[in-house]
C-alpha atoms as a PDB file:
ATOM      1  CA  UNK A   1      -2.456 -31.457  64.592  1.00  0.00           C
ATOM      2  CA  UNK A   2       0.989 -31.175  63.126  1.00  0.00           C
ATOM      3  CA  UNK A   3       3.353 -34.089  62.912  1.00  0.00           C
ATOM      4  CA  UNK A   4       5.287 -34.801  66.135  1.00  0.00           C
ATOM      5  CA  UNK A   5       8.864 -33.640  66.231  1.00  0.00           C
ATOM      6  CA  UNK A   6      11.282 -36.029  64.664  1.00  0.00           C
ATOM      7  CA  UNK A   7      13.878 -37.574  67.015  1.00  0.00           C
ATOM      8  CA  UNK A   8      17.388 -36.244  67.029  1.00  0.00           C
ATOM      9  CA  UNK A   9      19.582 -38.102  64.529  1.00  0.00           C
ATOM     10  CA  UNK A  10      21.154 -41.320  65.725  1.00  0.00           C
ATOM     11  CA  UNK A  11      24.904 -41.789  66.115  1.00  0.00           C
ATOM     12  CA  UNK A  12      25.368 -43.125  62.577  1.00  0.00           C
ATOM     13  CA  UNK A  13      23.606 -40.114  61.073  1.00  0.00           C
ATOM     14  CA  UNK A  14      25.632 -37.751  63.251  1.00  0.00           C
ATOM     15  CA  UNK A  15      28.879 -39.025  61.762  1.00  0.00           C
ATOM     16  CA  UNK A  16      27.606 -38.176  58.293  1.00  0.00           C
ATOM     17  CA  UNK A  17      26.657 -34.547  58.935  1.00  0.00           C
ATOM     18  CA  UNK A  18      28.552 -31.624  60.489  1.00  0.00           C
ATOM     19  CA  UNK A  19      27.427 -30.760  64.016  1.00  0.00           C
ATOM     20  CA  UNK A  20      26.216 -27.304  62.996  1.00  0.00           C
ATOM     21  CA  UNK A  21      23.992 -28.906  60.322  1.00  0.00           C
ATOM     22  CA  UNK A  22      22.445 -31.188  62.942  1.00  0.00           C
ATOM     23  CA  UNK A  23      21.691 -28.204  65.169  1.00  0.00           C
ATOM     24  CA  UNK A  24      20.301 -26.164  62.274  1.00  0.00           C
ATOM     25  CA  UNK A  25      17.931 -28.977  61.257  1.00  0.00           C
ATOM     26  CA  UNK A  26      16.894 -29.611  64.868  1.00  0.00           C
ATOM     27  CA  UNK A  27      15.997 -25.995  65.637  1.00  0.00           C
ATOM     28  CA  UNK A  28      14.461 -25.352  62.205  1.00  0.00           C
ATOM     29  CA  UNK A  29      12.166 -28.343  62.554  1.00  0.00           C
ATOM     30  CA  UNK A  30      11.026 -27.259  65.996  1.00  0.00           C
ATOM     31  CA  UNK A  31      10.236 -23.771  64.718  1.00  0.00           C
ATOM     32  CA  UNK A  32       8.324 -25.068  61.711  1.00  0.00           C
ATOM     33  CA  UNK A  33       6.283 -27.625  63.631  1.00  0.00           C
ATOM     34  CA  UNK A  34       5.372 -25.085  66.297  1.00  0.00           C
ATOM     35  CA  UNK A  35       7.323 -26.490  69.247  1.00  0.00           C
ATOM     36  CA  UNK A  36       9.283 -23.245  69.226  1.00  0.00           C
ATOM     37  CA  UNK A  37       7.003 -20.294  68.584  1.00  0.00           C
ATOM     38  CA  UNK A  38       7.500 -16.627  67.830  1.00  0.00           C
ATOM     39  CA  UNK A  39       8.943 -14.853  70.845  1.00  0.00           C
ATOM     40  CA  UNK A  40      10.380 -17.999  72.448  1.00  0.00           C
ATOM     41  CA  UNK A  41      13.978 -17.873  73.654  1.00  0.00           C
ATOM     42  CA  UNK A  42      16.402 -20.554  72.483  1.00  0.00           C
ATOM     43  CA  UNK A  43      18.933 -21.597  75.118  1.00  0.00           C
ATOM     44  CA  UNK A  44      22.284 -22.760  73.765  1.00  0.00           C
ATOM     45  CA  UNK A  45      22.760 -25.222  76.628  1.00  0.00           C
ATOM     46  CA  UNK A  46      19.375 -26.876  76.068  1.00  0.00           C
ATOM     47  CA  UNK A  47      20.005 -27.256  72.337  1.00  0.00           C
ATOM     48  CA  UNK A  48      23.561 -28.539  72.740  1.00  0.00           C
ATOM     49  CA  UNK A  49      22.376 -31.197  75.203  1.00  0.00           C
ATOM     50  CA  UNK A  50      19.413 -32.199  73.045  1.00  0.00           C
ATOM     51  CA  UNK A  51      21.511 -32.640  69.911  1.00  0.00           C
ATOM     52  CA  UNK A  52      24.580 -33.940  71.743  1.00  0.00           C
ATOM     53  CA  UNK A  53      27.101 -31.393  70.494  1.00  0.00           C
ATOM     54  CA  UNK A  54      29.213 -28.628  72.000  1.00  0.00           C
ATOM     55  CA  UNK A  55      28.064 -25.025  72.126  1.00  0.00           C
ATOM     56  CA  UNK A  56      30.322 -23.905  69.270  1.00  0.00           C
ATOM     57  CA  UNK A  57      28.270 -25.563  66.486  1.00  0.00           C
ATOM     58  CA  UNK A  58      25.118 -24.343  68.239  1.00  0.00           C
ATOM     59  CA  UNK A  59      26.310 -20.754  67.927  1.00  0.00           C
ATOM     60  CA  UNK A  60      27.267 -21.312  64.283  1.00  0.00           C
ATOM     61  CA  UNK A  61      23.832 -22.771  63.551  1.00  0.00           C
ATOM     62  CA  UNK A  62      22.076 -19.898  65.312  1.00  0.00           C
ATOM     63  CA  UNK A  63      23.869 -17.365  63.104  1.00  0.00           C
ATOM     64  CA  UNK A  64      22.701 -19.256  60.015  1.00  0.00           C
ATOM     65  CA  UNK A  65      19.156 -19.445  61.399  1.00  0.00           C
ATOM     66  CA  UNK A  66      19.239 -15.671  61.833  1.00  0.00           C
ATOM     67  CA  UNK A  67      20.458 -15.181  58.269  1.00  0.00           C
ATOM     68  CA  UNK A  68      17.574 -17.361  57.100  1.00  0.00           C
ATOM     69  CA  UNK A  69      15.036 -15.292  59.071  1.00  0.00           C
ATOM     70  CA  UNK A  70      14.060 -18.002  61.562  1.00  0.00           C
ATOM     71  CA  UNK A  71      15.411 -16.241  64.640  1.00  0.00           C
ATOM     72  CA  UNK A  72      16.787 -12.934  65.858  1.00  0.00           C
ATOM     73  CA  UNK A  73      20.025 -12.672  67.827  1.00  0.00           C
ATOM     74  CA  UNK A  74      20.050  -9.782  70.271  1.00  0.00           C
ATOM     75  CA  UNK A  75      22.769  -8.537  72.679  1.00  0.00           C
ATOM     76  CA  UNK A  76      22.333  -9.820  76.235  1.00  0.00           C
ATOM     77  CA  UNK A  77      19.099 -11.620  75.339  1.00  0.00           C
ATOM     78  CA  UNK A  78      20.357 -14.297  72.986  1.00  0.00           C
ATOM     79  CA  UNK A  79      18.311 -16.077  70.325  1.00  0.00           C
ATOM     80  CA  UNK A  80      14.603 -15.402  69.934  1.00  0.00           C
ATOM     81  CA  UNK A  81      12.287 -17.096  67.414  1.00  0.00           C
ATOM     82  CA  UNK A  82      11.033 -14.534  64.891  1.00  0.00           C
ATOM     83  CA  UNK A  83       7.307 -13.908  64.964  1.00  0.00           C
ATOM     84  CA  UNK A  84       5.362 -14.105  61.705  1.00  0.00           C
ATOM     85  CA  UNK A  85       3.352 -10.883  61.502  1.00  0.00           C
ATOM     86  CA  UNK A  86       0.285  -9.962  59.486  1.00  0.00           C
ATOM     87  CA  UNK A  87       2.348  -7.412  57.555  1.00  0.00           C
ATOM     88  CA  UNK A  88       5.008  -9.973  56.652  1.00  0.00           C
ATOM     89  CA  UNK A  89       2.380 -12.483  55.559  1.00  0.00           C
ATOM     90  CA  UNK A  90       0.766  -9.910  53.267  1.00  0.00           C
ATOM     91  CA  UNK A  91       4.133  -8.866  51.830  1.00  0.00           C
ATOM     92  CA  UNK A  92       5.175 -12.457  51.113  1.00  0.00           C
ATOM     93  CA  UNK A  93       1.951 -13.138  49.257  1.00  0.00           C
ATOM     94  CA  UNK A  94       2.232  -9.892  47.303  1.00  0.00           C
ATOM     95  CA  UNK A  95       5.803 -10.702  46.240  1.00  0.00           C
ATOM     96  CA  UNK A  96       4.804 -14.204  45.220  1.00  0.00           C
ATOM     97  CA  UNK A  97       1.856 -12.934  43.162  1.00  0.00           C
ATOM     98  CA  UNK A  98       4.160 -10.650  41.200  1.00  0.00           C
ATOM     99  CA  UNK A  99       6.744 -13.355  40.470  1.00  0.00           C
ATOM    100  CA  UNK A 100       4.381 -16.249  39.840  1.00  0.00           C
ATOM    101  CA  UNK A 101       1.907 -14.282  37.706  1.00  0.00           C
ATOM    102  CA  UNK A 102       4.773 -13.246  35.458  1.00  0.00           C
ATOM    103  CA  UNK A 103       6.087 -16.813  35.297  1.00  0.00           C
ATOM    104  CA  UNK A 104       2.706 -18.238  34.346  1.00  0.00           C
ATOM    105  CA  UNK A 105       2.066 -15.624  31.693  1.00  0.00           C
ATOM    106  CA  UNK A 106       5.501 -16.375  30.211  1.00  0.00           C
ATOM    107  CA  UNK A 107       4.866 -20.146  30.231  1.00  0.00           C
ATOM    108  CA  UNK A 108       1.557 -19.734  28.424  1.00  0.00           C
ATOM    109  CA  UNK A 109       2.795 -17.244  25.854  1.00  0.00           C
ATOM    110  CA  UNK A 110       5.888 -19.287  25.010  1.00  0.00           C
ATOM    111  CA  UNK A 111       4.066 -22.629  25.395  1.00  0.00           C
ATOM    112  CA  UNK A 112       6.813 -24.000  27.593  1.00  0.00           C
ATOM    113  CA  UNK A 113       6.775 -27.629  28.713  1.00  0.00           C
ATOM    114  CA  UNK A 114       5.811 -28.030  32.351  1.00  0.00           C
ATOM    115  CA  UNK A 115       8.050 -30.078  34.672  1.00  0.00           C
ATOM    116  CA  UNK A 116       7.111 -33.758  34.705  1.00  0.00           C
ATOM    117  CA  UNK A 117       6.966 -33.952  38.505  1.00  0.00           C
ATOM    118  CA  UNK A 118       4.347 -31.206  38.924  1.00  0.00           C
ATOM    119  CA  UNK A 119       1.451 -33.637  39.283  1.00  0.00           C
ATOM    120  CA  UNK A 120       3.560 -35.862  41.549  1.00  0.00           C
ATOM    121  CA  UNK A 121       4.092 -32.925  43.909  1.00  0.00           C
ATOM    122  CA  UNK A 122       0.382 -32.159  43.706  1.00  0.00           C
ATOM    123  CA  UNK A 123      -0.483 -35.742  44.679  1.00  0.00           C
ATOM    124  CA  UNK A 124       1.929 -35.608  47.635  1.00  0.00           C
ATOM    125  CA  UNK A 125       0.322 -32.388  48.856  1.00  0.00           C
ATOM    126  CA  UNK A 126      -3.114 -33.992  48.688  1.00  0.00           C
ATOM    127  CA  UNK A 127      -1.892 -36.770  51.002  1.00  0.00           C
ATOM    128  CA  UNK A 128      -0.987 -34.159  53.636  1.00  0.00           C
ATOM    129  CA  UNK A 129      -4.572 -32.893  53.557  1.00  0.00           C
ATOM    130  CA  UNK A 130      -5.530 -36.011  55.496  1.00  0.00           C
ATOM    131  CA  UNK A 131      -2.327 -36.409  57.502  1.00  0.00           C
ATOM    132  CA  UNK A 132      -2.382 -32.751  58.637  1.00  0.00           C
ATOM    133  CA  UNK A 133       1.417 -32.656  58.382  1.00  0.00           C
ATOM    134  CA  UNK A 134       1.672 -28.930  57.720  1.00  0.00           C
ATOM    135  CA  UNK A 135       5.476 -28.900  57.667  1.00  0.00           C
ATOM    136  CA  UNK A 136       5.671 -31.556  54.972  1.00  0.00           C
ATOM    137  CA  UNK A 137       2.822 -29.875  53.105  1.00  0.00           C
ATOM    138  CA  UNK A 138       4.631 -26.529  53.094  1.00  0.00           C
ATOM    139  CA  UNK A 139       7.761 -28.174  51.669  1.00  0.00           C
ATOM    140  CA  UNK A 140       5.818 -29.825  48.844  1.00  0.00           C
ATOM    141  CA  UNK A 141       3.908 -26.599  48.220  1.00  0.00           C
ATOM    142  CA  UNK A 142       7.110 -24.592  47.934  1.00  0.00           C
ATOM    143  CA  UNK A 143       8.613 -27.168  45.571  1.00  0.00           C
ATOM    144  CA  UNK A 144       5.434 -27.146  43.456  1.00  0.00           C
ATOM    145  CA  UNK A 145       5.395 -23.379  42.977  1.00  0.00           C
ATOM    146  CA  UNK A 146       9.161 -23.162  42.530  1.00  0.00           C
ATOM    147  CA  UNK A 147       9.019 -25.758  39.754  1.00  0.00           C
ATOM    148  CA  UNK A 148       6.592 -23.516  37.886  1.00  0.00           C
ATOM    149  CA  UNK A 149       8.793 -20.444  38.309  1.00  0.00           C
ATOM    150  CA  UNK A 150      11.895 -22.421  37.270  1.00  0.00           C
ATOM    151  CA  UNK A 151      10.155 -23.392  34.013  1.00  0.00           C
ATOM    152  CA  UNK A 152      10.826 -19.850  32.762  1.00  0.00           C
ATOM    153  CA  UNK A 153      14.579 -20.655  32.765  1.00  0.00           C
ATOM    154  CA  UNK A 154      15.151 -17.193  34.244  1.00  0.00           C
ATOM    155  CA  UNK A 155      17.910 -17.634  36.799  1.00  0.00           C
ATOM    156  CA  UNK A 156      17.493 -14.201  38.389  1.00  0.00           C
ATOM    157  CA  UNK A 157      13.744 -14.724  38.789  1.00  0.00           C
ATOM    158  CA  UNK A 158      14.326 -18.100  40.436  1.00  0.00           C
ATOM    159  CA  UNK A 159      16.917 -16.618  42.788  1.00  0.00           C
ATOM    160  CA  UNK A 160      14.443 -13.920  43.809  1.00  0.00           C
ATOM    161  CA  UNK A 161      11.828 -16.573  44.415  1.00  0.00           C
ATOM    162  CA  UNK A 162      14.249 -18.715  46.423  1.00  0.00           C
ATOM    163  CA  UNK A 163      14.966 -15.751  48.689  1.00  0.00           C
ATOM    164  CA  UNK A 164      11.346 -16.003  49.859  1.00  0.00           C
ATOM    165  CA  UNK A 165      11.560 -19.714  50.689  1.00  0.00           C
ATOM    166  CA  UNK A 166      11.897 -19.513  54.476  1.00  0.00           C
ATOM    167  CA  UNK A 167       9.246 -16.834  54.846  1.00  0.00           C
ATOM    168  CA  UNK A 168       7.034 -18.684  52.376  1.00  0.00           C
ATOM    169  CA  UNK A 169       7.152 -21.924  54.353  1.00  0.00           C
ATOM    170  CA  UNK A 170       6.649 -20.283  57.744  1.00  0.00           C
ATOM    171  CA  UNK A 171       3.768 -18.184  56.426  1.00  0.00           C
ATOM    172  CA  UNK A 172       2.141 -21.237  54.816  1.00  0.00           C
ATOM    173  CA  UNK A 173       2.406 -23.269  58.020  1.00  0.00           C
ATOM    174  CA  UNK A 174       1.106 -20.394  60.149  1.00  0.00           C
ATOM    175  CA  UNK A 175      -1.862 -19.954  57.798  1.00  0.00           C
ATOM    176  CA  UNK A 176      -2.677 -23.678  57.805  1.00  0.00           C
ATOM    177  CA  UNK A 177      -2.610 -23.837  61.586  1.00  0.00           C
ATOM    178  CA  UNK A 178      -5.145 -21.011  61.740  1.00  0.00           C
ATOM    179  CA  UNK A 179      -7.309 -22.366  58.915  1.00  0.00           C
ATOM    180  CA  UNK A 180      -6.639 -26.132  58.405  1.00  0.00           C
ATOM    181  CA  UNK A 181      -9.943 -26.666  56.580  1.00  0.00           C
ATOM    182  CA  UNK A 182      -8.625 -24.580  53.686  1.00  0.00           C
ATOM    183  CA  UNK A 183      -6.370 -27.459  52.562  1.00  0.00           C
ATOM    184  CA  UNK A 184      -9.044 -28.914  50.276  1.00  0.00           C
ATOM    185  CA  UNK A 185      -9.599 -25.536  48.630  1.00  0.00           C
ATOM    186  CA  UNK A 186      -5.862 -25.173  48.069  1.00  0.00           C
ATOM    187  CA  UNK A 187      -5.695 -28.664  46.536  1.00  0.00           C
ATOM    188  CA  UNK A 188      -8.495 -27.774  44.163  1.00  0.00           C
ATOM    189  CA  UNK A 189      -6.791 -24.527  43.122  1.00  0.00           C
ATOM    190  CA  UNK A 190      -3.502 -26.363  42.516  1.00  0.00           C
ATOM    191  CA  UNK A 191      -5.224 -28.794  40.162  1.00  0.00           C
ATOM    192  CA  UNK A 192      -6.971 -25.937  38.343  1.00  0.00           C
ATOM    193  CA  UNK A 193      -3.618 -24.234  38.001  1.00  0.00           C
ATOM    194  CA  UNK A 194      -1.988 -27.311  36.465  1.00  0.00           C
ATOM    195  CA  UNK A 195      -4.829 -27.672  33.975  1.00  0.00           C
ATOM    196  CA  UNK A 196      -4.707 -23.992  32.998  1.00  0.00           C
ATOM    197  CA  UNK A 197      -0.961 -24.168  32.390  1.00  0.00           C
ATOM    198  CA  UNK A 198      -1.232 -27.421  30.444  1.00  0.00           C
ATOM    199  CA  UNK A 199      -3.782 -25.701  28.194  1.00  0.00           C
ATOM    200  CA  UNK A 200      -1.642 -22.533  28.033  1.00  0.00           C
ATOM    201  CA  UNK A 201      -4.622 -20.523  29.244  1.00  0.00           C
ATOM    202  CA  UNK A 202      -2.858 -17.396  30.478  1.00  0.00           C
ATOM    203  CA  UNK A 203      -5.943 -15.576  31.702  1.00  0.00           C
ATOM    204  CA  UNK A 204      -7.167 -18.536  33.756  1.00  0.00           C
ATOM    205  CA  UNK A 205      -3.708 -19.255  35.207  1.00  0.00           C
ATOM    206  CA  UNK A 206      -3.136 -15.646  36.297  1.00  0.00           C
ATOM    207  CA  UNK A 207      -6.626 -15.380  37.771  1.00  0.00           C
ATOM    208  CA  UNK A 208      -6.189 -18.626  39.723  1.00  0.00           C
ATOM    209  CA  UNK A 209      -2.789 -17.692  41.161  1.00  0.00           C
ATOM    210  CA  UNK A 210      -4.036 -14.217  42.072  1.00  0.00           C
ATOM    211  CA  UNK A 211      -6.900 -15.762  44.032  1.00  0.00           C
ATOM    212  CA  UNK A 212      -4.690 -18.526  45.413  1.00  0.00           C
ATOM    213  CA  UNK A 213      -2.188 -16.069  46.891  1.00  0.00           C
ATOM    214  CA  UNK A 214      -4.634 -13.727  48.602  1.00  0.00           C
ATOM    215  CA  UNK A 215      -4.297 -14.123  52.392  1.00  0.00           C
ATOM    216  CA  UNK A 216      -7.590 -14.657  54.189  1.00  0.00           C
ATOM    217  CA  UNK A 217      -8.766 -11.936  56.530  1.00  0.00           C
ATOM    218  CA  UNK A 218      -9.375 -14.367  59.389  1.00  0.00           C
ATOM    219  CA  UNK A 219      -5.774 -15.561  59.108  1.00  0.00           C
ATOM    220  CA  UNK A 220      -4.323 -12.021  59.110  1.00  0.00           C
ATOM    221  CA  UNK A 221      -6.418 -10.899  62.086  1.00  0.00           C
ATOM    222  CA  UNK A 222      -5.033 -13.739  64.225  1.00  0.00           C
ATOM    223  CA  UNK A 223      -1.430 -12.721  63.688  1.00  0.00           C
ATOM    224  CA  UNK A 224       0.374  -9.842  65.414  1.00  0.00           C
ATOM    225  CA  UNK A 225       0.784  -6.655  63.418  1.00  0.00           C
END
């Protein structure tokens, strides 16, 4: 089971953040933890009452959520949560394999120093294996892989990788919900990846990430085309 939805921010927190940011975080969290699923409609009135803001910041937040690929805004129908499809999942993994394989080969060839917090992120992910908090796990996972890509010091490559962040997290959460028992396998592959990079073993690192980022057939078949 995923972690229960977090309560809406209290009054003190509300004064610290713009209303549209509160709405964005509220809706995003509900999409990621599965309370709002692909195809669900999002009613402005319901959201404004839940967060305690007017409809104007709700509309502003919905436009940002569309830009970030969480929802789709359609004429006369309003906001609809985007559905993760099998095709999108496969394309995200393919894009990540291309970027991350290149990054790891570059790290090994140039013997670049890995970020100091890589093992810390790995340890935090392992904790979520027991807690089954797939949202938190996806955030740590994204940070873990991004830290490796950022080691190349290639700004354009990192920007390309960052453009996949929303899809990456939603795909990871969707996959974990379908196949939660795979968490231990993923943990093991992350550790193998760290060790390969620490030893600058390019062949091992590329082979591990290629295997790591291959979507499972039973996950793909449970998603719409």
